[in-house]
Amino acid sequence: QVQLVESGGGLVQAGGSLRLSCAASSRTFSTATTGWFRQAPGKEREFVASINWRGDTTNYADSVKGRFTVSRENAKNTVYLQMNNLKPEDTAVYYCAARRISVNNYLDWGQGTQVTVSS
């Protein structure tokens, strides 16, 4: 079990940028993939982006392609989500989660960080 803590959220105007961080309590050799998800009020949680442990495979939701970039620094046990050209529809609580080797679903989740994009 790994503890994940998100940070970097805040209030930003449309077109602005934020960088979210997901810090793990310790190095987790069993983590195959780290994902970013978001949930807006009244909506279901949705996938945003993911990155594998080597950092050579990334995936993005169509809604954020070209605007968001996920990266990681394994030495710091940290995954980042660089969010550029933010839009009001990006407003949500953002969560990071870890998926373990040979496990299809994400089991470890952070507490979330609020991102609010104003018009």
N, C-alpha and C. Protein backbone atom coordinates (compact mmCIF):
# COMPACT_ATOMS: atom_id res chain seq x y z
N GLN A 1 0.84 -1.18 0.00
CA GLN A 1 0.00 0.00 0.00
C GLN A 1 0.89 1.24 0.00
N VAL A 2 0.55 2.20 -0.86
CA VAL A 2 1.32 3.42 -0.98
C VAL A 2 0.41 4.62 -0.72
N GLN A 3 0.95 5.60 -0.03
CA GLN A 3 0.22 6.84 0.23
C GLN A 3 0.58 7.88 -0.83
N LEU A 4 -0.42 8.45 -1.47
CA LEU A 4 -0.23 9.44 -2.51
C LEU A 4 -0.82 10.77 -2.08
N VAL A 5 -0.09 11.85 -2.35
CA VAL A 5 -0.53 13.18 -1.98
C VAL A 5 -0.40 14.10 -3.18
N GLU A 6 -1.54 14.67 -3.61
CA GLU A 6 -1.54 15.62 -4.71
C GLU A 6 -1.37 17.04 -4.18
N SER A 7 -0.75 17.88 -5.00
CA SER A 7 -0.60 19.29 -4.66
C SER A 7 -0.48 20.09 -5.94
N GLY A 8 -0.60 21.40 -5.83
CA GLY A 8 -0.41 22.28 -6.96
C GLY A 8 -1.69 22.86 -7.54
N GLY A 9 -2.83 22.45 -7.03
CA GLY A 9 -4.08 22.99 -7.52
C GLY A 9 -4.28 24.43 -7.09
N GLY A 10 -5.28 25.06 -7.67
CA GLY A 10 -5.56 26.44 -7.34
C GLY A 10 -6.53 27.06 -8.31
N LEU A 11 -6.64 28.37 -8.24
CA LEU A 11 -7.52 29.15 -9.10
C LEU A 11 -6.70 29.82 -10.18
N VAL A 12 -7.11 29.65 -11.42
CA VAL A 12 -6.38 30.22 -12.55
C VAL A 12 -7.37 30.67 -13.62
N GLN A 13 -7.01 31.69 -14.36
CA GLN A 13 -7.85 32.15 -15.46
C GLN A 13 -7.70 31.25 -16.67
N ALA A 14 -8.72 31.23 -17.50
CA ALA A 14 -8.66 30.45 -18.73
C ALA A 14 -7.43 30.85 -19.54
N GLY A 15 -6.74 29.85 -20.06
CA GLY A 15 -5.52 30.08 -20.80
C GLY A 15 -4.27 29.98 -19.96
N GLY A 16 -4.44 29.92 -18.65
CA GLY A 16 -3.31 29.82 -17.76
C GLY A 16 -2.81 28.40 -17.59
N SER A 17 -1.83 28.25 -16.71
CA SER A 17 -1.19 26.95 -16.51
C SER A 17 -1.07 26.62 -15.04
N LEU A 18 -1.07 25.34 -14.74
CA LEU A 18 -0.81 24.82 -13.42
C LEU A 18 0.00 23.55 -13.56
N ARG A 19 0.79 23.26 -12.54
CA ARG A 19 1.53 22.01 -12.50
C ARG A 19 1.16 21.26 -11.23
N LEU A 20 0.56 20.11 -11.41
CA LEU A 20 0.18 19.28 -10.29
C LEU A 20 1.27 18.26 -9.99
N SER A 21 1.42 17.95 -8.72
CA SER A 21 2.38 16.95 -8.29
C SER A 21 1.68 15.85 -7.53
N CYS A 22 2.18 14.65 -7.69
CA CYS A 22 1.68 13.49 -6.97
C CYS A 22 2.88 12.83 -6.32
N ALA A 23 2.99 12.98 -5.03
CA ALA A 23 4.13 12.45 -4.29
C ALA A 23 3.74 11.17 -3.56
N ALA A 24 4.56 10.16 -3.71
CA ALA A 24 4.34 8.90 -3.02
C ALA A 24 5.15 8.87 -1.73
N SER A 25 4.63 8.14 -0.76
CA SER A 25 5.28 8.08 0.54
C SER A 25 6.63 7.38 0.47
N SER A 26 6.77 6.47 -0.48
CA SER A 26 8.01 5.73 -0.65
C SER A 26 8.07 5.17 -2.06
N ARG A 27 9.24 4.71 -2.44
CA ARG A 27 9.39 4.10 -3.75
C ARG A 27 8.61 2.80 -3.80
N THR A 28 7.82 2.65 -4.84
CA THR A 28 6.96 1.48 -4.97
C THR A 28 7.36 0.69 -6.21
N PHE A 29 8.03 -0.41 -6.00
CA PHE A 29 8.47 -1.24 -7.11
C PHE A 29 7.32 -1.95 -7.80
N SER A 30 6.21 -2.09 -7.12
CA SER A 30 5.07 -2.81 -7.67
C SER A 30 4.16 -1.94 -8.53
N THR A 31 4.40 -0.65 -8.57
CA THR A 31 3.56 0.26 -9.35
C THR A 31 3.96 0.23 -10.81
N ALA A 32 3.04 -0.19 -11.65
CA ALA A 32 3.29 -0.25 -13.08
C ALA A 32 2.90 1.05 -13.78
N THR A 33 1.82 1.68 -13.31
CA THR A 33 1.28 2.86 -13.95
C THR A 33 0.75 3.84 -12.91
N THR A 34 0.98 5.11 -13.15
CA THR A 34 0.37 6.15 -12.34
C THR A 34 -0.58 6.95 -13.23
N GLY A 35 -1.79 7.13 -12.76
CA GLY A 35 -2.79 7.83 -13.55
C GLY A 35 -3.29 9.09 -12.87
N TRP A 36 -3.77 10.00 -13.68
CA TRP A 36 -4.45 11.20 -13.21
C TRP A 36 -5.91 11.12 -13.61
N PHE A 37 -6.77 11.43 -12.67
CA PHE A 37 -8.20 11.45 -12.89
C PHE A 37 -8.77 12.76 -12.37
N ARG A 38 -9.95 13.09 -12.79
CA ARG A 38 -10.60 14.29 -12.28
C ARG A 38 -12.10 14.06 -12.14
N GLN A 39 -12.69 14.81 -11.24
CA GLN A 39 -14.11 14.71 -11.02
C GLN A 39 -14.68 16.10 -10.74
N ALA A 40 -15.59 16.51 -11.58
CA ALA A 40 -16.28 17.78 -11.41
C ALA A 40 -17.59 17.54 -10.68
N PRO A 41 -18.12 18.55 -10.01
CA PRO A 41 -19.39 18.39 -9.31
C PRO A 41 -20.50 17.90 -10.23
N GLY A 42 -21.20 16.87 -9.80
CA GLY A 42 -22.28 16.33 -10.59
C GLY A 42 -21.86 15.44 -11.74
N LYS A 43 -20.58 15.19 -11.88
CA LYS A 43 -20.09 14.35 -12.95
C LYS A 43 -19.34 13.14 -12.40
N GLU A 44 -19.21 12.14 -13.25
CA GLU A 44 -18.44 10.96 -12.88
C GLU A 44 -16.94 11.24 -12.97
N ARG A 45 -16.18 10.50 -12.21
CA ARG A 45 -14.74 10.61 -12.30
C ARG A 45 -14.29 10.15 -13.69
N GLU A 46 -13.37 10.90 -14.28
CA GLU A 46 -12.91 10.57 -15.62
C GLU A 46 -11.39 10.51 -15.68
N PHE A 47 -10.91 9.69 -16.59
CA PHE A 47 -9.50 9.54 -16.81
C PHE A 47 -8.93 10.77 -17.50
N VAL A 48 -7.74 11.19 -17.09
CA VAL A 48 -7.08 12.34 -17.68
C VAL A 48 -5.79 11.95 -18.40
N ALA A 49 -4.89 11.27 -17.69
CA ALA A 49 -3.61 10.91 -18.26
C ALA A 49 -2.97 9.82 -17.43
N SER A 50 -2.01 9.12 -18.00
CA SER A 50 -1.28 8.10 -17.27
C SER A 50 0.14 7.99 -17.79
N ILE A 51 1.00 7.40 -16.98
CA ILE A 51 2.39 7.20 -17.35
C ILE A 51 2.89 5.92 -16.68
N ASN A 52 3.66 5.14 -17.42
CA ASN A 52 4.18 3.92 -16.84
C ASN A 52 5.42 4.21 -16.00
N TRP A 53 5.93 3.20 -15.33
CA TRP A 53 7.01 3.42 -14.36
C TRP A 53 8.30 3.90 -15.01
N ARG A 54 8.54 3.53 -16.26
CA ARG A 54 9.75 3.98 -16.95
C ARG A 54 9.59 5.37 -17.55
N GLY A 55 8.36 5.82 -17.65
CA GLY A 55 8.12 7.13 -18.22
C GLY A 55 8.15 7.18 -19.73
N ASP A 56 8.16 6.02 -20.38
CA ASP A 56 8.24 5.97 -21.83
C ASP A 56 6.92 5.66 -22.51
N THR A 57 5.87 5.50 -21.71
CA THR A 57 4.55 5.26 -22.26
C THR A 57 3.55 6.17 -21.55
N THR A 58 2.89 7.00 -22.31
CA THR A 58 1.90 7.91 -21.75
C THR A 58 0.60 7.80 -22.52
N ASN A 59 -0.48 8.11 -21.85
CA ASN A 59 -1.80 8.14 -22.47
C ASN A 59 -2.55 9.36 -21.98
N TYR A 60 -3.39 9.91 -22.86
CA TYR A 60 -4.13 11.11 -22.53
C TYR A 60 -5.57 10.99 -23.01
N ALA A 61 -6.46 11.57 -22.23
CA ALA A 61 -7.82 11.70 -22.70
C ALA A 61 -7.85 12.68 -23.87
N ASP A 62 -8.77 12.46 -24.79
CA ASP A 62 -8.85 13.33 -25.96
C ASP A 62 -9.05 14.80 -25.58
N SER A 63 -9.73 15.03 -24.49
CA SER A 63 -10.04 16.39 -24.08
C SER A 63 -8.83 17.19 -23.62
N VAL A 64 -7.72 16.50 -23.31
CA VAL A 64 -6.55 17.21 -22.80
C VAL A 64 -5.32 17.03 -23.68
N LYS A 65 -5.42 16.26 -24.73
CA LYS A 65 -4.28 16.04 -25.63
C LYS A 65 -3.80 17.37 -26.20
N GLY A 66 -2.49 17.53 -26.18
CA GLY A 66 -1.89 18.75 -26.68
C GLY A 66 -1.82 19.87 -25.67
N ARG A 67 -2.51 19.71 -24.55
CA ARG A 67 -2.51 20.73 -23.50
C ARG A 67 -1.85 20.26 -22.21
N PHE A 68 -2.05 18.99 -21.88
CA PHE A 68 -1.51 18.43 -20.64
C PHE A 68 -0.33 17.52 -20.95
N THR A 69 0.63 17.47 -20.04
CA THR A 69 1.77 16.59 -20.16
C THR A 69 2.03 15.91 -18.82
N VAL A 70 2.10 14.60 -18.84
CA VAL A 70 2.40 13.85 -17.63
C VAL A 70 3.85 13.38 -17.68
N SER A 71 4.52 13.47 -16.56
CA SER A 71 5.92 13.06 -16.47
C SER A 71 6.19 12.54 -15.06
N ARG A 72 7.37 11.99 -14.87
CA ARG A 72 7.69 11.48 -13.54
C ARG A 72 9.17 11.59 -13.25
N GLU A 73 9.49 11.67 -11.96
CA GLU A 73 10.84 11.62 -11.45
C GLU A 73 10.86 10.52 -10.39
N ASN A 74 11.30 9.36 -10.80
CA ASN A 74 11.26 8.22 -9.89
C ASN A 74 12.16 8.42 -8.67
N ALA A 75 13.25 9.14 -8.84
CA ALA A 75 14.14 9.39 -7.72
C ALA A 75 13.45 10.18 -6.62
N LYS A 76 12.45 10.96 -6.99
CA LYS A 76 11.68 11.74 -6.03
C LYS A 76 10.34 11.12 -5.70
N ASN A 77 10.06 9.97 -6.29
CA ASN A 77 8.78 9.30 -6.09
C ASN A 77 7.62 10.23 -6.42
N THR A 78 7.76 10.97 -7.51
CA THR A 78 6.79 12.00 -7.84
C THR A 78 6.39 11.93 -9.31
N VAL A 79 5.11 12.08 -9.56
CA VAL A 79 4.56 12.19 -10.90
C VAL A 79 3.94 13.58 -11.04
N TYR A 80 4.11 14.18 -12.21
CA TYR A 80 3.63 15.53 -12.46
C TYR A 80 2.59 15.54 -13.56
N LEU A 81 1.74 16.54 -13.49
CA LEU A 81 0.80 16.81 -14.57
C LEU A 81 0.88 18.29 -14.89
N GLN A 82 1.54 18.60 -16.00
CA GLN A 82 1.63 19.98 -16.46
C GLN A 82 0.39 20.29 -17.26
N MET A 83 -0.34 21.31 -16.84
CA MET A 83 -1.61 21.66 -17.44
C MET A 83 -1.49 23.05 -18.06
N ASN A 84 -1.53 23.10 -19.39
CA ASN A 84 -1.42 24.36 -20.11
C ASN A 84 -2.72 24.68 -20.82
N ASN A 85 -2.88 25.95 -21.15
CA ASN A 85 -4.08 26.42 -21.86
C ASN A 85 -5.35 25.89 -21.19
N LEU A 86 -5.44 26.11 -19.91
CA LEU A 86 -6.57 25.60 -19.16
C LEU A 86 -7.88 26.23 -19.59
N LYS A 87 -8.92 25.43 -19.53
CA LYS A 87 -10.26 25.84 -19.91
C LYS A 87 -11.20 25.70 -18.72
N PRO A 88 -12.29 26.45 -18.70
CA PRO A 88 -13.23 26.32 -17.59
C PRO A 88 -13.71 24.88 -17.38
N GLU A 89 -13.84 24.12 -18.45
CA GLU A 89 -14.28 22.74 -18.32
C GLU A 89 -13.25 21.83 -17.69
N ASP A 90 -12.05 22.34 -17.45
CA ASP A 90 -11.04 21.59 -16.73
C ASP A 90 -11.24 21.67 -15.21
N THR A 91 -12.14 22.51 -14.78
CA THR A 91 -12.41 22.67 -13.35
C THR A 91 -12.87 21.35 -12.75
N ALA A 92 -12.17 20.89 -11.73
CA ALA A 92 -12.48 19.61 -11.11
C ALA A 92 -11.51 19.38 -9.95
N VAL A 93 -11.80 18.36 -9.18
CA VAL A 93 -10.83 17.84 -8.23
C VAL A 93 -9.99 16.81 -8.96
N TYR A 94 -8.69 16.98 -8.92
CA TYR A 94 -7.79 16.08 -9.62
C TYR A 94 -7.16 15.10 -8.65
N TYR A 95 -7.16 13.84 -9.03
CA TYR A 95 -6.63 12.77 -8.22
C TYR A 95 -5.53 12.03 -8.97
N CYS A 96 -4.52 11.59 -8.26
CA CYS A 96 -3.58 10.65 -8.83
C CYS A 96 -3.82 9.29 -8.21
N ALA A 97 -3.47 8.26 -8.96
CA ALA A 97 -3.70 6.90 -8.51
C ALA A 97 -2.63 5.99 -9.08
N ALA A 98 -2.38 4.91 -8.37
CA ALA A 98 -1.35 3.95 -8.77
C ALA A 98 -1.98 2.61 -9.10
N ARG A 99 -1.55 2.06 -10.22
CA ARG A 99 -1.98 0.73 -10.63
C ARG A 99 -0.79 -0.21 -10.52
N ARG A 100 -0.99 -1.30 -9.85
CA ARG A 100 0.10 -2.24 -9.59
C ARG A 100 0.30 -3.21 -10.74
N ILE A 101 1.46 -3.82 -10.75
CA ILE A 101 1.78 -4.81 -11.77
C ILE A 101 0.77 -5.94 -11.73
N SER A 102 0.28 -6.32 -12.90
CA SER A 102 -0.67 -7.41 -13.07
C SER A 102 -2.05 -7.14 -12.47
N VAL A 103 -2.32 -5.90 -12.12
CA VAL A 103 -3.62 -5.50 -11.61
C VAL A 103 -4.22 -4.49 -12.58
N ASN A 104 -5.43 -4.74 -13.02
CA ASN A 104 -6.04 -3.92 -14.05
C ASN A 104 -6.57 -2.59 -13.52
N ASN A 105 -7.02 -2.57 -12.28
CA ASN A 105 -7.63 -1.37 -11.73
C ASN A 105 -6.67 -0.63 -10.81
N TYR A 106 -6.94 0.66 -10.63
CA TYR A 106 -6.16 1.49 -9.72
C TYR A 106 -6.62 1.25 -8.29
N LEU A 107 -5.68 0.95 -7.41
CA LEU A 107 -6.01 0.60 -6.04
C LEU A 107 -5.63 1.68 -5.03
N ASP A 108 -4.60 2.45 -5.32
CA ASP A 108 -4.12 3.47 -4.39
C ASP A 108 -4.43 4.85 -4.95
N TRP A 109 -5.10 5.66 -4.12
CA TRP A 109 -5.56 6.98 -4.55
C TRP A 109 -5.13 8.06 -3.59
N GLY A 110 -4.86 9.23 -4.13
CA GLY A 110 -4.58 10.39 -3.31
C GLY A 110 -5.86 11.06 -2.86
N GLN A 111 -5.72 12.12 -2.10
CA GLN A 111 -6.88 12.81 -1.54
C GLN A 111 -7.48 13.83 -2.51
N GLY A 112 -6.76 14.19 -3.54
CA GLY A 112 -7.25 15.13 -4.54
C GLY A 112 -6.81 16.55 -4.28
N THR A 113 -6.74 17.33 -5.36
CA THR A 113 -6.43 18.75 -5.27
C THR A 113 -7.35 19.50 -6.22
N GLN A 114 -7.89 20.61 -5.74
CA GLN A 114 -8.89 21.36 -6.49
C GLN A 114 -8.24 22.24 -7.55
N VAL A 115 -8.75 22.16 -8.76
CA VAL A 115 -8.35 23.04 -9.84
C VAL A 115 -9.59 23.79 -10.31
N THR A 116 -9.53 25.11 -10.27
CA THR A 116 -10.64 25.94 -10.70
C THR A 116 -10.16 26.90 -11.78
N VAL A 117 -10.81 26.85 -12.93
CA VAL A 117 -10.45 27.70 -14.06
C VAL A 117 -11.60 28.66 -14.31
N SER A 118 -11.32 29.93 -14.21
CA SER A 118 -12.34 30.95 -14.39
C SER A 118 -12.36 31.44 -15.83
N SER A 119 -13.50 32.02 -16.22
CA SER A 119 -13.65 32.57 -17.56
C SER A 119 -13.15 34.00 -17.64
